[in-house]
Amino acid sequence: MRLTVFWQRMADYFGEGYADSFARDHVMSELGGRTVHEALEAGWSAKDVWRGVCAAVDVPHERR
């Protein structure tokens, strides 16, 4: 998954205004105790980060 697709999915699910805030502030055990930004900076693939977000906030399967 490309980062552009990842960020579009984040915006589609959380809304344009909240997606980046969520990505900066929400620490998730699914990402090893990291935020989205920290996981991406640590080298996690966008696909794996998206899977972690989906698991953490129960994104419906049809939106994954």
N, C-alpha and C. Protein backbone atom coordinates (compact mmCIF):
# COMPACT_ATOMS: atom_id res chain seq x y z
N MET A 1 0.84 -1.17 0.00
CA MET A 1 0.00 0.00 0.00
C MET A 1 0.89 1.24 0.00
N ARG A 2 0.57 2.17 -0.86
CA ARG A 2 1.31 3.43 -0.91
C ARG A 2 0.86 4.33 0.23
N LEU A 3 1.76 5.21 0.63
CA LEU A 3 1.41 6.15 1.70
C LEU A 3 0.24 7.04 1.31
N THR A 4 0.14 7.40 0.04
CA THR A 4 -0.98 8.24 -0.37
C THR A 4 -2.31 7.52 -0.17
N VAL A 5 -2.34 6.22 -0.45
CA VAL A 5 -3.55 5.42 -0.24
C VAL A 5 -3.83 5.32 1.26
N PHE A 6 -2.78 5.09 2.04
CA PHE A 6 -2.95 5.01 3.49
C PHE A 6 -3.57 6.29 4.04
N TRP A 7 -3.01 7.43 3.69
CA TRP A 7 -3.52 8.70 4.23
C TRP A 7 -4.93 9.00 3.72
N GLN A 8 -5.25 8.56 2.51
CA GLN A 8 -6.61 8.75 2.01
C GLN A 8 -7.58 7.90 2.82
N ARG A 9 -7.21 6.68 3.14
CA ARG A 9 -8.06 5.81 3.97
C ARG A 9 -8.24 6.40 5.36
N MET A 10 -7.16 6.95 5.92
CA MET A 10 -7.26 7.60 7.23
C MET A 10 -8.25 8.77 7.16
N ALA A 11 -8.12 9.59 6.13
CA ALA A 11 -9.01 10.74 5.98
C ALA A 11 -10.45 10.30 5.74
N ASP A 12 -10.64 9.26 4.96
CA ASP A 12 -11.99 8.76 4.69
C ASP A 12 -12.65 8.24 5.97
N TYR A 13 -11.86 7.59 6.82
CA TYR A 13 -12.44 7.02 8.03
C TYR A 13 -12.59 8.04 9.15
N PHE A 14 -11.55 8.82 9.40
CA PHE A 14 -11.56 9.74 10.54
C PHE A 14 -12.00 11.16 10.18
N GLY A 15 -11.98 11.48 8.89
CA GLY A 15 -12.27 12.85 8.47
C GLY A 15 -10.96 13.60 8.24
N GLU A 16 -11.00 14.54 7.32
CA GLU A 16 -9.80 15.30 6.95
C GLU A 16 -9.15 15.97 8.15
N GLY A 17 -9.96 16.58 9.00
CA GLY A 17 -9.43 17.35 10.11
C GLY A 17 -8.89 16.52 11.26
N TYR A 18 -9.38 15.30 11.43
CA TYR A 18 -9.01 14.51 12.59
C TYR A 18 -7.96 13.44 12.30
N ALA A 19 -7.81 13.04 11.06
CA ALA A 19 -6.91 11.93 10.72
C ALA A 19 -5.48 12.18 11.19
N ASP A 20 -4.93 13.36 10.91
CA ASP A 20 -3.55 13.63 11.30
C ASP A 20 -3.42 13.75 12.81
N SER A 21 -4.40 14.35 13.45
CA SER A 21 -4.37 14.46 14.91
C SER A 21 -4.38 13.08 15.55
N PHE A 22 -5.25 12.21 15.08
CA PHE A 22 -5.29 10.83 15.57
C PHE A 22 -3.94 10.16 15.36
N ALA A 23 -3.37 10.34 14.17
CA ALA A 23 -2.10 9.69 13.81
C ALA A 23 -0.95 10.18 14.68
N ARG A 24 -1.02 11.40 15.16
CA ARG A 24 0.05 11.96 16.00
C ARG A 24 -0.13 11.64 17.48
N ASP A 25 -1.36 11.51 17.93
CA ASP A 25 -1.63 11.47 19.36
C ASP A 25 -2.05 10.12 19.93
N HIS A 26 -2.60 9.26 19.11
CA HIS A 26 -3.16 8.01 19.63
C HIS A 26 -2.11 6.90 19.62
N VAL A 27 -1.71 6.46 20.80
CA VAL A 27 -0.73 5.38 20.93
C VAL A 27 -1.50 4.06 20.94
N MET A 28 -1.06 3.12 20.12
CA MET A 28 -1.78 1.86 19.97
C MET A 28 -0.88 0.67 20.28
N SER A 29 -1.40 -0.25 21.07
CA SER A 29 -0.65 -1.47 21.35
C SER A 29 -0.45 -2.28 20.07
N GLU A 30 -1.39 -2.18 19.14
CA GLU A 30 -1.29 -2.89 17.86
C GLU A 30 -0.08 -2.43 17.04
N LEU A 31 0.43 -1.25 17.36
CA LEU A 31 1.61 -0.72 16.67
C LEU A 31 2.83 -0.74 17.60
N GLY A 32 2.80 -1.62 18.57
CA GLY A 32 3.94 -1.75 19.47
C GLY A 32 4.10 -0.57 20.41
N GLY A 33 2.98 0.03 20.81
CA GLY A 33 3.04 1.18 21.71
C GLY A 33 3.47 2.46 21.01
N ARG A 34 3.18 2.54 19.73
CA ARG A 34 3.55 3.71 18.93
C ARG A 34 2.31 4.40 18.38
N THR A 35 2.50 5.63 17.95
CA THR A 35 1.48 6.31 17.17
C THR A 35 1.66 5.90 15.71
N VAL A 36 0.73 6.30 14.87
CA VAL A 36 0.85 6.02 13.42
C VAL A 36 2.14 6.63 12.89
N HIS A 37 2.38 7.90 13.21
CA HIS A 37 3.58 8.57 12.70
C HIS A 37 4.85 7.87 13.20
N GLU A 38 4.89 7.48 14.46
CA GLU A 38 6.06 6.80 15.00
C GLU A 38 6.28 5.45 14.32
N ALA A 39 5.21 4.71 14.08
CA ALA A 39 5.34 3.41 13.42
C ALA A 39 5.87 3.58 12.00
N LEU A 40 5.34 4.54 11.27
CA LEU A 40 5.82 4.77 9.91
C LEU A 40 7.29 5.20 9.92
N GLU A 41 7.66 6.07 10.86
CA GLU A 41 9.06 6.51 10.95
C GLU A 41 9.98 5.37 11.36
N ALA A 42 9.45 4.40 12.10
CA ALA A 42 10.25 3.25 12.53
C ALA A 42 10.40 2.20 11.43
N GLY A 43 9.77 2.44 10.29
CA GLY A 43 9.94 1.53 9.16
C GLY A 43 8.79 0.56 8.92
N TRP A 44 7.71 0.68 9.69
CA TRP A 44 6.56 -0.18 9.45
C TRP A 44 5.98 0.14 8.08
N SER A 45 5.48 -0.86 7.39
CA SER A 45 4.83 -0.61 6.10
C SER A 45 3.48 0.06 6.34
N ALA A 46 3.06 0.84 5.37
CA ALA A 46 1.76 1.51 5.47
C ALA A 46 0.64 0.48 5.62
N LYS A 47 0.77 -0.64 4.95
CA LYS A 47 -0.24 -1.70 5.02
C LYS A 47 -0.35 -2.25 6.44
N ASP A 48 0.78 -2.50 7.08
CA ASP A 48 0.76 -3.02 8.45
C ASP A 48 0.23 -1.99 9.44
N VAL A 49 0.57 -0.74 9.21
CA VAL A 49 0.05 0.32 10.08
C VAL A 49 -1.47 0.43 9.91
N TRP A 50 -1.94 0.38 8.68
CA TRP A 50 -3.38 0.43 8.45
C TRP A 50 -4.08 -0.74 9.13
N ARG A 51 -3.51 -1.92 9.04
CA ARG A 51 -4.09 -3.09 9.73
C ARG A 51 -4.15 -2.86 11.24
N GLY A 52 -3.11 -2.26 11.79
CA GLY A 52 -3.09 -1.95 13.22
C GLY A 52 -4.16 -0.95 13.60
N VAL A 53 -4.33 0.08 12.79
CA VAL A 53 -5.37 1.08 13.03
C VAL A 53 -6.75 0.41 12.96
N CYS A 54 -6.95 -0.41 11.95
CA CYS A 54 -8.24 -1.09 11.79
C CYS A 54 -8.57 -1.95 13.01
N ALA A 55 -7.57 -2.65 13.52
CA ALA A 55 -7.79 -3.50 14.69
C ALA A 55 -8.04 -2.65 15.94
N ALA A 56 -7.34 -1.56 16.07
CA ALA A 56 -7.44 -0.73 17.27
C ALA A 56 -8.79 -0.03 17.39
N VAL A 57 -9.35 0.40 16.27
CA VAL A 57 -10.59 1.17 16.33
C VAL A 57 -11.77 0.44 15.69
N ASP A 58 -11.60 -0.84 15.41
CA ASP A 58 -12.67 -1.66 14.84
C ASP A 58 -13.26 -1.08 13.56
N VAL A 59 -12.37 -0.77 12.61
CA VAL A 59 -12.84 -0.33 11.29
C VAL A 59 -13.62 -1.49 10.68
N PRO A 60 -14.83 -1.23 10.18
CA PRO A 60 -15.61 -2.31 9.57
C PRO A 60 -14.86 -2.97 8.40
N HIS A 61 -15.06 -4.26 8.24
CA HIS A 61 -14.34 -5.00 7.21
C HIS A 61 -14.50 -4.42 5.81
N GLU A 62 -15.67 -3.90 5.50
CA GLU A 62 -15.88 -3.34 4.16
C GLU A 62 -15.09 -2.05 3.92
N ARG A 63 -14.55 -1.45 4.98
CA ARG A 63 -13.76 -0.23 4.83
C ARG A 63 -12.27 -0.48 4.96
N ARG A 64 -11.91 -1.73 5.19
CA ARG A 64 -10.49 -2.07 5.34
C ARG A 64 -9.89 -2.22 3.98
